[in-house]
Protein backbone atom coordinates (compact mmCIF):
# COMPACT_ATOMS: atom_id res chain seq x y z
CA MET A 1 23.06 -145.15 -78.93
CA ARG A 2 22.14 -148.81 -78.98
CA PRO A 3 22.26 -150.72 -75.67
CA GLU A 4 24.89 -152.99 -77.01
CA ASP A 5 27.21 -150.08 -77.57
CA MET A 6 27.04 -149.21 -73.89
CA ILE A 7 29.67 -149.99 -71.13
CA LEU A 8 28.58 -151.01 -67.72
CA VAL A 9 30.88 -149.87 -64.99
CA SER A 10 30.26 -150.62 -61.64
CA ILE A 11 31.04 -147.61 -59.20
CA ASP A 12 30.68 -149.85 -55.85
CA ASP A 13 33.43 -152.43 -56.50
CA HIS A 14 36.02 -153.09 -53.78
CA LEU A 15 39.35 -154.75 -53.59
CA ILE A 16 39.88 -157.32 -50.57
CA GLU A 17 42.73 -156.19 -48.54
CA PRO A 18 44.85 -158.90 -47.04
CA ALA A 19 44.11 -159.07 -43.43
CA GLY A 20 47.44 -157.88 -42.15
CA VAL A 21 47.83 -155.13 -44.60
CA PHE A 22 47.72 -152.03 -41.99
CA GLU A 23 49.18 -153.69 -39.17
CA HIS A 24 52.76 -154.02 -40.66
CA HIS A 25 53.27 -150.65 -42.00
CA ILE A 26 52.34 -148.38 -39.25
CA PRO A 27 54.54 -147.66 -35.92
CA GLU A 28 53.82 -149.70 -32.92
CA SER A 29 52.51 -147.02 -31.00
CA PHE A 30 49.32 -146.62 -33.58
CA ARG A 31 49.07 -150.57 -34.17
CA ASP A 32 46.14 -150.93 -31.77
CA ARG A 33 43.89 -148.34 -33.97
CA VAL A 34 44.67 -149.57 -37.47
CA PRO A 35 42.08 -151.42 -39.34
CA LYS A 36 42.43 -155.09 -38.93
CA MET A 37 40.50 -158.27 -39.30
CA VAL A 38 39.19 -160.25 -36.34
CA ARG A 39 36.70 -163.32 -36.16
CA ASP A 40 33.82 -162.84 -33.93
CA ASP A 41 32.19 -165.02 -31.57
CA ASN A 42 29.91 -166.47 -34.62
CA GLY A 43 32.72 -167.20 -36.78
CA VAL A 44 32.44 -164.31 -38.99
CA ASP A 45 35.63 -162.34 -39.98
CA ARG A 46 34.92 -158.50 -39.66
CA TRP A 47 37.12 -155.51 -39.94
CA VAL A 48 37.42 -153.58 -37.02
CA PHE A 49 39.45 -150.30 -35.96
CA ASP A 50 40.24 -147.53 -33.40
CA CYS A 51 40.46 -150.14 -30.79
CA ARG A 52 40.60 -148.93 -27.05
CA GLY A 53 40.77 -151.22 -24.31
CA ASP A 54 38.39 -154.02 -25.04
CA ARG A 55 36.00 -151.95 -27.61
CA CYS A 56 36.64 -151.44 -31.35
CA ALA A 57 34.68 -149.77 -33.84
CA SER A 58 33.56 -152.43 -36.46
CA ARG A 59 32.64 -152.48 -40.34
């Protein structure tokens, strides 16, 4: 097989979901736990999830 016949496929690509994609499609009783975008104190947008009180898991 020649290199020019090969097809490169990335297996680590991701879609960028809109910030409110989960919040609008889940019962209100679970909305504090769904993934959502928040801006941290440094101005960086981060996905957080499973918020309980003032603590959230983050990615």
